[in-house]
N, C-alpha and C. Protein backbone atom coordinates (compact mmCIF):
# COMPACT_ATOMS: atom_id res chain seq x y z
N MET A 1 111.92 76.47 87.06
CA MET A 1 110.50 76.56 87.36
C MET A 1 109.67 75.79 86.34
N LYS A 2 110.17 75.69 85.11
CA LYS A 2 109.41 74.99 84.07
C LYS A 2 109.16 73.54 84.45
N SER A 3 110.15 72.87 85.02
CA SER A 3 109.94 71.47 85.39
C SER A 3 108.94 71.35 86.53
N LEU A 4 108.94 72.29 87.46
CA LEU A 4 107.96 72.30 88.56
C LEU A 4 106.56 72.50 87.99
N GLU A 5 106.43 73.42 87.05
CA GLU A 5 105.12 73.64 86.42
C GLU A 5 104.65 72.38 85.70
N GLN A 6 105.56 71.69 85.03
CA GLN A 6 105.21 70.44 84.34
C GLN A 6 104.77 69.39 85.35
N GLU A 7 105.49 69.28 86.47
CA GLU A 7 105.12 68.32 87.52
C GLU A 7 103.72 68.62 88.06
N ILE A 8 103.42 69.90 88.27
CA ILE A 8 102.11 70.29 88.80
C ILE A 8 101.02 69.93 87.81
N LYS A 9 101.25 70.18 86.54
CA LYS A 9 100.27 69.82 85.51
C LYS A 9 99.99 68.32 85.52
N GLU A 10 101.05 67.53 85.61
CA GLU A 10 100.88 66.08 85.65
C GLU A 10 100.18 65.65 86.93
N LEU A 11 100.47 66.31 88.05
CA LEU A 11 99.81 66.00 89.31
C LEU A 11 98.32 66.34 89.25
N ILE A 12 97.98 67.44 88.62
CA ILE A 12 96.58 67.81 88.44
C ILE A 12 95.86 66.70 87.68
N ILE A 13 96.44 66.25 86.60
CA ILE A 13 95.82 65.22 85.77
C ILE A 13 95.64 63.92 86.53
N THR A 14 96.69 63.47 87.21
CA THR A 14 96.60 62.18 87.90
C THR A 14 95.74 62.25 89.15
N SER A 15 95.88 63.30 89.95
CA SER A 15 95.13 63.36 91.21
C SER A 15 93.64 63.59 90.98
N LEU A 16 93.29 64.24 89.87
CA LEU A 16 91.87 64.51 89.58
C LEU A 16 91.31 63.58 88.51
N SER A 17 92.11 62.61 88.08
CA SER A 17 91.69 61.63 87.07
C SER A 17 91.13 62.30 85.81
N LEU A 18 91.87 63.25 85.29
CA LEU A 18 91.47 63.96 84.08
C LEU A 18 92.02 63.19 82.87
N GLU A 19 91.32 62.16 82.48
CA GLU A 19 91.81 61.23 81.47
C GLU A 19 91.90 61.83 80.06
N ASP A 20 91.08 62.82 79.76
CA ASP A 20 91.04 63.38 78.41
C ASP A 20 91.97 64.58 78.23
N ILE A 21 92.77 64.87 79.23
CA ILE A 21 93.63 66.05 79.18
C ILE A 21 95.09 65.62 79.30
N LYS A 22 95.94 66.28 78.52
CA LYS A 22 97.39 66.07 78.60
C LYS A 22 98.01 67.30 79.26
N ALA A 23 99.20 67.13 79.80
CA ALA A 23 99.88 68.24 80.47
C ALA A 23 100.03 69.44 79.55
N GLU A 24 100.33 69.19 78.29
CA GLU A 24 100.51 70.31 77.36
C GLU A 24 99.20 71.03 77.03
N ASP A 25 98.06 70.43 77.38
CA ASP A 25 96.76 71.07 77.18
C ASP A 25 96.46 72.12 78.25
N ILE A 26 97.17 72.05 79.37
CA ILE A 26 96.95 72.99 80.48
C ILE A 26 97.89 74.17 80.31
N GLU A 27 97.31 75.35 80.13
CA GLU A 27 98.12 76.56 80.01
C GLU A 27 98.62 76.99 81.38
N THR A 28 99.87 77.32 81.45
CA THR A 28 100.51 77.66 82.72
C THR A 28 99.85 78.84 83.42
N ASP A 29 99.43 79.85 82.66
CA ASP A 29 98.85 81.05 83.27
C ASP A 29 97.33 81.08 83.22
N ALA A 30 96.71 80.04 82.68
CA ALA A 30 95.25 80.00 82.57
C ALA A 30 94.63 79.70 83.94
N PRO A 31 93.44 80.24 84.19
CA PRO A 31 92.76 79.94 85.45
C PRO A 31 92.47 78.45 85.58
N LEU A 32 92.58 77.93 86.79
CA LEU A 32 92.27 76.52 87.03
C LEU A 32 90.79 76.31 87.34
N PHE A 33 90.14 77.34 87.88
CA PHE A 33 88.76 77.19 88.33
C PHE A 33 87.80 78.00 87.48
N VAL A 34 86.57 77.53 87.42
CA VAL A 34 85.46 78.11 86.67
C VAL A 34 85.83 78.16 85.19
N GLU A 35 86.39 79.28 84.74
CA GLU A 35 86.86 79.34 83.36
C GLU A 35 88.19 78.60 83.29
N GLY A 36 88.82 78.53 82.16
CA GLY A 36 90.08 77.82 82.04
C GLY A 36 89.84 76.33 82.16
N LEU A 37 90.50 75.68 83.10
CA LEU A 37 90.40 74.23 83.27
C LEU A 37 89.04 73.80 83.83
N GLY A 38 88.36 74.70 84.53
CA GLY A 38 87.01 74.43 85.00
C GLY A 38 86.91 73.55 86.24
N LEU A 39 87.90 73.61 87.11
CA LEU A 39 87.86 72.82 88.33
C LEU A 39 86.85 73.43 89.31
N ASP A 40 86.44 72.62 90.30
CA ASP A 40 85.50 73.09 91.31
C ASP A 40 86.11 72.95 92.71
N SER A 41 85.32 73.22 93.74
CA SER A 41 85.85 73.22 95.11
C SER A 41 86.29 71.83 95.57
N ILE A 42 85.61 70.79 95.13
CA ILE A 42 86.03 69.43 95.47
C ILE A 42 87.39 69.14 94.83
N ASP A 43 87.56 69.56 93.59
CA ASP A 43 88.85 69.40 92.92
C ASP A 43 89.94 70.14 93.68
N ALA A 44 89.61 71.32 94.21
CA ALA A 44 90.59 72.10 94.97
C ALA A 44 91.06 71.34 96.21
N LEU A 45 90.13 70.70 96.90
CA LEU A 45 90.49 69.92 98.08
C LEU A 45 91.39 68.75 97.71
N GLU A 46 91.02 68.02 96.66
CA GLU A 46 91.82 66.88 96.23
C GLU A 46 93.20 67.32 95.76
N LEU A 47 93.25 68.40 95.00
CA LEU A 47 94.53 68.90 94.51
C LEU A 47 95.38 69.40 95.67
N GLY A 48 94.77 70.09 96.62
CA GLY A 48 95.51 70.57 97.79
C GLY A 48 96.15 69.42 98.57
N LEU A 49 95.41 68.34 98.75
CA LEU A 49 95.96 67.17 99.45
C LEU A 49 97.10 66.55 98.66
N ALA A 50 96.93 66.45 97.36
CA ALA A 50 97.98 65.88 96.51
C ALA A 50 99.25 66.74 96.56
N LEU A 51 99.08 68.05 96.54
CA LEU A 51 100.24 68.95 96.63
C LEU A 51 100.93 68.83 97.98
N GLN A 52 100.15 68.71 99.05
CA GLN A 52 100.73 68.55 100.38
C GLN A 52 101.53 67.27 100.48
N LYS A 53 100.99 66.18 99.95
CA LYS A 53 101.70 64.90 99.98
C LYS A 53 102.96 64.94 99.14
N ARG A 54 102.86 65.50 97.95
CA ARG A 54 103.98 65.49 97.00
C ARG A 54 105.11 66.42 97.43
N TYR A 55 104.76 67.62 97.89
CA TYR A 55 105.78 68.63 98.15
C TYR A 55 105.98 68.96 99.62
N GLY A 56 105.16 68.37 100.50
CA GLY A 56 105.31 68.61 101.93
C GLY A 56 105.02 70.04 102.35
N ILE A 57 104.10 70.69 101.65
CA ILE A 57 103.75 72.07 101.95
C ILE A 57 102.39 72.12 102.63
N THR A 58 102.10 73.24 103.27
CA THR A 58 100.78 73.43 103.84
C THR A 58 100.08 74.55 103.07
N MET A 59 98.77 74.49 103.04
CA MET A 59 97.99 75.49 102.32
C MET A 59 97.23 76.39 103.30
N LYS A 60 97.76 76.57 104.49
CA LYS A 60 97.10 77.40 105.50
C LYS A 60 97.12 78.86 105.08
N GLY A 61 96.17 79.61 105.60
CA GLY A 61 96.12 81.04 105.34
C GLY A 61 94.69 81.50 105.19
N GLU A 62 94.54 82.77 104.95
CA GLU A 62 93.23 83.34 104.72
C GLU A 62 92.64 82.77 103.44
N LYS A 63 91.32 82.72 103.39
CA LYS A 63 90.63 82.15 102.23
C LYS A 63 91.08 82.80 100.92
N ASP A 64 91.20 84.11 100.91
CA ASP A 64 91.61 84.81 99.69
C ASP A 64 93.05 84.48 99.30
N GLU A 65 93.91 84.30 100.30
CA GLU A 65 95.31 83.93 100.03
C GLU A 65 95.38 82.56 99.38
N VAL A 66 94.65 81.61 99.95
CA VAL A 66 94.65 80.25 99.42
C VAL A 66 94.07 80.25 98.01
N ARG A 67 92.99 80.97 97.81
CA ARG A 67 92.38 81.06 96.48
C ARG A 67 93.36 81.62 95.47
N ALA A 68 94.13 82.62 95.87
CA ALA A 68 95.11 83.23 94.96
C ALA A 68 96.21 82.24 94.58
N ARG A 69 96.61 81.39 95.53
CA ARG A 69 97.64 80.37 95.23
C ARG A 69 97.16 79.39 94.17
N PHE A 70 95.87 79.09 94.18
CA PHE A 70 95.30 78.12 93.25
C PHE A 70 94.81 78.76 91.95
N ALA A 71 95.16 80.00 91.70
CA ALA A 71 94.66 80.70 90.51
C ALA A 71 95.10 80.03 89.21
N SER A 72 96.34 79.57 89.16
CA SER A 72 96.88 78.96 87.94
C SER A 72 98.04 78.04 88.31
N VAL A 73 98.52 77.31 87.34
CA VAL A 73 99.70 76.47 87.55
C VAL A 73 100.89 77.35 87.94
N ALA A 74 101.00 78.52 87.31
CA ALA A 74 102.11 79.43 87.61
C ALA A 74 102.09 79.89 89.06
N THR A 75 100.91 80.23 89.59
CA THR A 75 100.83 80.69 90.98
C THR A 75 101.10 79.55 91.96
N LEU A 76 100.66 78.35 91.62
CA LEU A 76 100.97 77.19 92.46
C LEU A 76 102.47 76.93 92.48
N ALA A 77 103.09 76.99 91.32
CA ALA A 77 104.53 76.76 91.23
C ALA A 77 105.31 77.79 92.04
N ALA A 78 104.90 79.05 91.95
CA ALA A 78 105.58 80.10 92.71
C ALA A 78 105.43 79.87 94.20
N TYR A 79 104.24 79.46 94.64
CA TYR A 79 104.02 79.21 96.07
C TYR A 79 104.86 78.03 96.55
N ILE A 80 104.86 76.95 95.79
CA ILE A 80 105.65 75.77 96.16
C ILE A 80 107.13 76.13 96.22
N ALA A 81 107.61 76.86 95.24
CA ALA A 81 109.02 77.27 95.24
C ALA A 81 109.34 78.13 96.46
N SER A 82 108.43 79.03 96.83
CA SER A 82 108.68 79.88 98.00
C SER A 82 108.68 79.06 99.28
N GLN A 83 107.82 78.06 99.36
CA GLN A 83 107.77 77.20 100.55
C GLN A 83 109.02 76.33 100.64
N ARG A 84 109.48 75.85 99.52
CA ARG A 84 110.73 75.07 99.51
C ARG A 84 111.90 75.92 99.97
N GLY A 85 111.91 77.18 99.52
CA GLY A 85 112.98 78.10 99.91
C GLY A 85 112.99 78.35 101.41
N GLN A 86 111.80 78.47 102.00
CA GLN A 86 111.69 78.69 103.45
C GLN A 86 112.14 77.45 104.22
N ALA A 87 111.82 76.28 103.66
CA ALA A 87 112.17 75.04 104.34
C ALA A 87 113.68 74.82 104.39
N THR A 88 114.38 75.32 103.37
CA THR A 88 115.83 75.13 103.34
C THR A 88 116.58 76.29 103.97
N ALA A 89 115.88 77.38 104.24
CA ALA A 89 116.54 78.57 104.82
C ALA A 89 116.80 78.41 106.29
């Protein structure tokens, strides 16, 4: 899971053009929105598209479910891992 979390951190930086941030600056369990990394709703859309392209996953679901998936790098990694597991099952 650590390598997936690292990939997600790098994807966040590249897809959102966060030039002043390094992957190691992003805490795995820190919030991505408002506090923590401070992303906004436009960033969420861009990141969601980047995740869909990179991992072939969908972000469908209730608003609260989707919001919970984007809570942190750790929650994104867990969701991606669960979707990969379903795809191979």
